[in-house]
Amino acid sequence: MAKELEPKTETLAETDNYMVWKAVEPDGETTYHMELNNVTLHFFQEEWDEIVQLMKNLGKK
């Protein structure tokens, strides 16, 4: 029963100092997490979509 309450996690990208992973919660909501050394940023799906677009725009500069 406890396993059903745990989110399913997946590492999306990782370097020596940084990691991005996502968690699918038991209620179906997906959250994204950026670990940058000792700081972790948490995003809901809509926020994640916006930050990904921001990074894509930065890559065009």
PDB file of N, CA and C in Angstrom:
ATOM      1  N   MET A   1       0.824  -1.193   0.000  1.00  0.00           N
ATOM      2  CA  MET A   1       0.000   0.000   0.000  1.00  0.00           C
ATOM      3  C   MET A   1       0.868   1.258   0.000  1.00  0.00           C
ATOM      4  N   ALA A   2       1.950   1.279   0.769  1.00  0.00           N
ATOM      5  CA  ALA A   2       2.816   2.454   0.839  1.00  0.00           C
ATOM      6  C   ALA A   2       3.450   2.747  -0.516  1.00  0.00           C
ATOM      7  N   LYS A   3       3.752   1.724  -1.302  1.00  0.00           N
ATOM      8  CA  LYS A   3       4.347   1.917  -2.623  1.00  0.00           C
ATOM      9  C   LYS A   3       3.435   2.746  -3.520  1.00  0.00           C
ATOM     10  N   GLU A   4       2.128   2.581  -3.374  1.00  0.00           N
ATOM     11  CA  GLU A   4       1.169   3.318  -4.188  1.00  0.00           C
ATOM     12  C   GLU A   4       1.181   4.807  -3.872  1.00  0.00           C
ATOM     13  N   LEU A   5       1.652   5.189  -2.694  1.00  0.00           N
ATOM     14  CA  LEU A   5       1.684   6.590  -2.291  1.00  0.00           C
ATOM     15  C   LEU A   5       2.983   7.282  -2.689  1.00  0.00           C
ATOM     16  N   GLU A   6       3.963   6.513  -3.157  1.00  0.00           N
ATOM     17  CA  GLU A   6       5.250   7.077  -3.554  1.00  0.00           C
ATOM     18  C   GLU A   6       5.181   7.586  -4.991  1.00  0.00           C
ATOM     19  N   PRO A   7       5.778   8.752  -5.266  1.00  0.00           N
ATOM     20  CA  PRO A   7       5.818   9.225  -6.652  1.00  0.00           C
ATOM     21  C   PRO A   7       6.782   8.371  -7.473  1.00  0.00           C
ATOM     22  N   LYS A   8       6.518   8.279  -8.757  1.00  0.00           N
ATOM     23  CA  LYS A   8       7.433   7.602  -9.675  1.00  0.00           C
ATOM     24  C   LYS A   8       8.392   8.665 -10.189  1.00  0.00           C
ATOM     25  N   THR A   9       9.687   8.465  -9.959  1.00  0.00           N
ATOM     26  CA  THR A   9      10.672   9.473 -10.345  1.00  0.00           C
ATOM     27  C   THR A   9      11.511   8.983 -11.519  1.00  0.00           C
ATOM     28  N   GLU A  10      12.015   9.965 -12.286  1.00  0.00           N
ATOM     29  CA  GLU A  10      12.866   9.675 -13.429  1.00  0.00           C
ATOM     30  C   GLU A  10      13.883  10.804 -13.573  1.00  0.00           C
ATOM     31  N   THR A  11      15.158  10.464 -13.662  1.00  0.00           N
ATOM     32  CA  THR A  11      16.196  11.461 -13.913  1.00  0.00           C
ATOM     33  C   THR A  11      16.160  11.812 -15.393  1.00  0.00           C
ATOM     34  N   LEU A  12      16.063  13.105 -15.701  1.00  0.00           N
ATOM     35  CA  LEU A  12      15.998  13.569 -17.082  1.00  0.00           C
ATOM     36  C   LEU A  12      17.362  13.976 -17.621  1.00  0.00           C
ATOM     37  N   ALA A  13      18.203  14.548 -16.767  1.00  0.00           N
ATOM     38  CA  ALA A  13      19.553  14.969 -17.162  1.00  0.00           C
ATOM     39  C   ALA A  13      20.391  15.117 -15.907  1.00  0.00           C
ATOM     40  N   GLU A  14      21.705  14.873 -16.071  1.00  0.00           N
ATOM     41  CA  GLU A  14      22.586  14.932 -14.899  1.00  0.00           C
ATOM     42  C   GLU A  14      24.009  15.243 -15.337  1.00  0.00           C
ATOM     43  N   THR A  15      24.671  16.120 -14.566  1.00  0.00           N
ATOM     44  CA  THR A  15      26.097  16.386 -14.728  1.00  0.00           C
ATOM     45  C   THR A  15      26.743  16.172 -13.362  1.00  0.00           C
ATOM     46  N   ASP A  16      28.004  16.533 -13.234  1.00  0.00           N
ATOM     47  CA  ASP A  16      28.689  16.371 -11.946  1.00  0.00           C
ATOM     48  C   ASP A  16      28.039  17.190 -10.834  1.00  0.00           C
ATOM     49  N   ASN A  17      27.493  18.364 -11.178  1.00  0.00           N
ATOM     50  CA  ASN A  17      26.962  19.264 -10.160  1.00  0.00           C
ATOM     51  C   ASN A  17      25.467  19.527 -10.234  1.00  0.00           C
ATOM     52  N   TYR A  18      24.820  19.129 -11.315  1.00  0.00           N
ATOM     53  CA  TYR A  18      23.416  19.471 -11.523  1.00  0.00           C
ATOM     54  C   TYR A  18      22.600  18.237 -11.902  1.00  0.00           C
ATOM     55  N   MET A  19      21.319  18.300 -11.583  1.00  0.00           N
ATOM     56  CA  MET A  19      20.430  17.213 -11.969  1.00  0.00           C
ATOM     57  C   MET A  19      19.027  17.761 -12.174  1.00  0.00           C
ATOM     58  N   VAL A  20      18.343  17.219 -13.176  1.00  0.00           N
ATOM     59  CA  VAL A  20      16.939  17.530 -13.420  1.00  0.00           C
ATOM     60  C   VAL A  20      16.191  16.213 -13.400  1.00  0.00           C
ATOM     61  N   TRP A  21      15.115  16.178 -12.606  1.00  0.00           N
ATOM     62  CA  TRP A  21      14.315  14.959 -12.529  1.00  0.00           C
ATOM     63  C   TRP A  21      12.852  15.309 -12.419  1.00  0.00           C
ATOM     64  N   LYS A  22      12.017  14.327 -12.734  1.00  0.00           N
ATOM     65  CA  LYS A  22      10.577  14.562 -12.631  1.00  0.00           C
ATOM     66  C   LYS A  22       9.963  13.502 -11.737  1.00  0.00           C
ATOM     67  N   ALA A  23       8.841  13.859 -11.168  1.00  0.00           N
ATOM     68  CA  ALA A  23       8.095  12.950 -10.295  1.00  0.00           C
ATOM     69  C   ALA A  23       6.634  12.955 -10.731  1.00  0.00           C
ATOM     70  N   VAL A  24       6.110  11.768 -10.944  1.00  0.00           N
ATOM     71  CA  VAL A  24       4.685  11.626 -11.224  1.00  0.00           C
ATOM     72  C   VAL A  24       4.043  11.182  -9.921  1.00  0.00           C
ATOM     73  N   GLU A  25       3.218  12.064  -9.381  1.00  0.00           N
ATOM     74  CA  GLU A  25       2.584  11.813  -8.090  1.00  0.00           C
ATOM     75  C   GLU A  25       1.456  10.789  -8.237  1.00  0.00           C
ATOM     76  N   PRO A  26       1.076  10.142  -7.145  1.00  0.00           N
ATOM     77  CA  PRO A  26      -0.021   9.163  -7.202  1.00  0.00           C
ATOM     78  C   PRO A  26      -1.321   9.731  -7.766  1.00  0.00           C
ATOM     79  N   ASP A  27      -1.540  11.052  -7.609  1.00  0.00           N
ATOM     80  CA  ASP A  27      -2.760  11.660  -8.149  1.00  0.00           C
ATOM     81  C   ASP A  27      -2.639  12.011  -9.630  1.00  0.00           C
ATOM     82  N   GLY A  28      -1.478  11.686 -10.240  1.00  0.00           N
ATOM     83  CA  GLY A  28      -1.273  11.922 -11.666  1.00  0.00           C
ATOM     84  C   GLY A  28      -0.572  13.216 -12.004  1.00  0.00           C
ATOM     85  N   GLU A  29      -0.389  14.095 -11.024  1.00  0.00           N
ATOM     86  CA  GLU A  29       0.293  15.369 -11.288  1.00  0.00           C
ATOM     87  C   GLU A  29       1.794  15.130 -11.441  1.00  0.00           C
ATOM     88  N   THR A  30       2.389  15.802 -12.432  1.00  0.00           N
ATOM     89  CA  THR A  30       3.832  15.705 -12.663  1.00  0.00           C
ATOM     90  C   THR A  30       4.507  16.969 -12.180  1.00  0.00           C
ATOM     91  N   THR A  31       5.578  16.814 -11.423  1.00  0.00           N
ATOM     92  CA  THR A  31       6.395  17.945 -10.992  1.00  0.00           C
ATOM     93  C   THR A  31       7.822  17.721 -11.473  1.00  0.00           C
ATOM     94  N   TYR A  32       8.518  18.830 -11.701  1.00  0.00           N
ATOM     95  CA  TYR A  32       9.895  18.793 -12.188  1.00  0.00           C
ATOM     96  C   TYR A  32      10.785  19.457 -11.152  1.00  0.00           C
ATOM     97  N   HIS A  33      12.019  18.976 -11.044  1.00  0.00           N
ATOM     98  CA  HIS A  33      12.934  19.435 -10.004  1.00  0.00           C
ATOM     99  C   HIS A  33      14.315  19.646 -10.611  1.00  0.00           C
ATOM    100  N   MET A  34      14.881  20.820 -10.368  1.00  0.00           N
ATOM    101  CA  MET A  34      16.244  21.149 -10.794  1.00  0.00           C
ATOM    102  C   MET A  34      17.106  21.270  -9.555  1.00  0.00           C
ATOM    103  N   GLU A  35      18.084  20.401  -9.447  1.00  0.00           N
ATOM    104  CA  GLU A  35      19.036  20.477  -8.337  1.00  0.00           C
ATOM    105  C   GLU A  35      20.301  21.133  -8.853  1.00  0.00           C
ATOM    106  N   LEU A  36      20.607  22.309  -8.312  1.00  0.00           N
ATOM    107  CA  LEU A  36      21.769  23.100  -8.722  1.00  0.00           C
ATOM    108  C   LEU A  36      22.660  23.278  -7.505  1.00  0.00           C
ATOM    109  N   ASN A  37      23.605  22.375  -7.355  1.00  0.00           N
ATOM    110  CA  ASN A  37      24.433  22.306  -6.149  1.00  0.00           C
ATOM    111  C   ASN A  37      23.518  22.182  -4.930  1.00  0.00           C
ATOM    112  N   ASN A  38      23.486  23.183  -4.059  1.00  0.00           N
ATOM    113  CA  ASN A  38      22.687  23.057  -2.832  1.00  0.00           C
ATOM    114  C   ASN A  38      21.315  23.741  -2.932  1.00  0.00           C
ATOM    115  N   VAL A  39      20.885  24.081  -4.143  1.00  0.00           N
ATOM    116  CA  VAL A  39      19.580  24.712  -4.363  1.00  0.00           C
ATOM    117  C   VAL A  39      18.722  23.781  -5.218  1.00  0.00           C
ATOM    118  N   THR A  40      17.479  23.582  -4.820  1.00  0.00           N
ATOM    119  CA  THR A  40      16.552  22.797  -5.629  1.00  0.00           C
ATOM    120  C   THR A  40      15.349  23.659  -5.975  1.00  0.00           C
ATOM    121  N   LEU A  41      15.039  23.716  -7.269  1.00  0.00           N
ATOM    122  CA  LEU A  41      13.875  24.441  -7.760  1.00  0.00           C
ATOM    123  C   LEU A  41      12.801  23.424  -8.119  1.00  0.00           C
ATOM    124  N   HIS A  42      11.570  23.700  -7.743  1.00  0.00           N
ATOM    125  CA  HIS A  42      10.453  22.801  -7.988  1.00  0.00           C
ATOM    126  C   HIS A  42       9.462  23.486  -8.928  1.00  0.00           C
ATOM    127  N   PHE A  43       8.982  22.757  -9.933  1.00  0.00           N
ATOM    128  CA  PHE A  43       8.083  23.321 -10.936  1.00  0.00           C
ATOM    129  C   PHE A  43       6.884  22.404 -11.153  1.00  0.00           C
ATOM    130  N   PHE A  44       5.705  23.019 -11.274  1.00  0.00           N
ATOM    131  CA  PHE A  44       4.545  22.293 -11.780  1.00  0.00           C
ATOM    132  C   PHE A  44       4.649  22.278 -13.304  1.00  0.00           C
ATOM    133  N   GLN A  45       3.831  21.477 -13.963  1.00  0.00           N
ATOM    134  CA  GLN A  45       3.934  21.296 -15.415  1.00  0.00           C
ATOM    135  C   GLN A  45       3.936  22.614 -16.180  1.00  0.00           C
ATOM    136  N   GLU A  46       2.994  23.513 -15.871  1.00  0.00           N
ATOM    137  CA  GLU A  46       2.906  24.774 -16.610  1.00  0.00           C
ATOM    138  C   GLU A  46       4.170  25.617 -16.423  1.00  0.00           C
ATOM    139  N   GLU A  47       4.690  25.625 -15.214  1.00  0.00           N
ATOM    140  CA  GLU A  47       5.920  26.376 -14.921  1.00  0.00           C
ATOM    141  C   GLU A  47       7.104  25.749 -15.647  1.00  0.00           C
ATOM    142  N   TRP A  48       7.146  24.432 -15.688  1.00  0.00           N
ATOM    143  CA  TRP A  48       8.233  23.720 -16.357  1.00  0.00           C
ATOM    144  C   TRP A  48       8.223  24.033 -17.852  1.00  0.00           C
ATOM    145  N   ASP A  49       7.047  24.006 -18.456  1.00  0.00           N
ATOM    146  CA  ASP A  49       6.940  24.320 -19.881  1.00  0.00           C
ATOM    147  C   ASP A  49       7.492  25.709 -20.159  1.00  0.00           C
ATOM    148  N   GLU A  50       7.214  26.657 -19.271  1.00  0.00           N
ATOM    149  CA  GLU A  50       7.697  28.022 -19.459  1.00  0.00           C
ATOM    150  C   GLU A  50       9.212  28.116 -19.282  1.00  0.00           C
ATOM    151  N   ILE A  51       9.767  27.418 -18.300  1.00  0.00           N
ATOM    152  CA  ILE A  51      11.220  27.479 -18.082  1.00  0.00           C
ATOM    153  C   ILE A  51      11.971  26.806 -19.233  1.00  0.00           C
ATOM    154  N   VAL A  52      11.403  25.747 -19.786  1.00  0.00           N
ATOM    155  CA  VAL A  52      12.011  25.094 -20.959  1.00  0.00           C
ATOM    156  C   VAL A  52      12.012  26.054 -22.137  1.00  0.00           C
ATOM    157  N   GLN A  53      10.915  26.764 -22.344  1.00  0.00           N
ATOM    158  CA  GLN A  53      10.858  27.750 -23.434  1.00  0.00           C
ATOM    159  C   GLN A  53      11.863  28.869 -23.204  1.00  0.00           C
ATOM    160  N   LEU A  54      12.020  29.309 -21.969  1.00  0.00           N
ATOM    161  CA  LEU A  54      13.005  30.331 -21.630  1.00  0.00           C
ATOM    162  C   LEU A  54      14.414  29.868 -21.998  1.00  0.00           C
ATOM    163  N   MET A  55      14.750  28.629 -21.658  1.00  0.00           N
ATOM    164  CA  MET A  55      16.081  28.097 -21.975  1.00  0.00           C
ATOM    165  C   MET A  55      16.298  27.961 -23.471  1.00  0.00           C
ATOM    166  N   LYS A  56      15.251  27.570 -24.190  1.00  0.00           N
ATOM    167  CA  LYS A  56      15.357  27.491 -25.647  1.00  0.00           C
ATOM    168  C   LYS A  56      15.614  28.865 -26.231  1.00  0.00           C
ATOM    169  N   ASN A  57      14.915  29.886 -25.720  1.00  0.00           N
ATOM    170  CA  ASN A  57      15.131  31.250 -26.192  1.00  0.00           C
ATOM    171  C   ASN A  57      16.544  31.728 -25.865  1.00  0.00           C
ATOM    172  N   LEU A  58      17.052  31.359 -24.738  1.00  0.00           N
ATOM    173  CA  LEU A  58      18.419  31.732 -24.367  1.00  0.00           C
ATOM    174  C   LEU A  58      19.425  31.114 -25.331  1.00  0.00           C
ATOM    175  N   GLY A  59      19.162  29.896 -25.757  1.00  0.00           N
ATOM    176  CA  GLY A  59      20.049  29.219 -26.706  1.00  0.00           C
ATOM    177  C   GLY A  59      20.082  29.881 -28.080  1.00  0.00           C
ATOM    178  N   LYS A  60      19.086  30.705 -28.403  1.00  0.00           N
ATOM    179  CA  LYS A  60      19.014  31.389 -29.691  1.00  0.00           C
ATOM    180  C   LYS A  60      19.845  32.660 -29.686  1.00  0.00           C
ATOM    181  N   LYS A  61      20.301  33.102 -28.527  1.00  0.00           N
ATOM    182  CA  LYS A  61      21.046  34.368 -28.419  1.00  0.00           C
ATOM    183  C   LYS A  61      22.493  34.162 -28.766  1.00  0.00           C
TER     184      LYS A  61
END
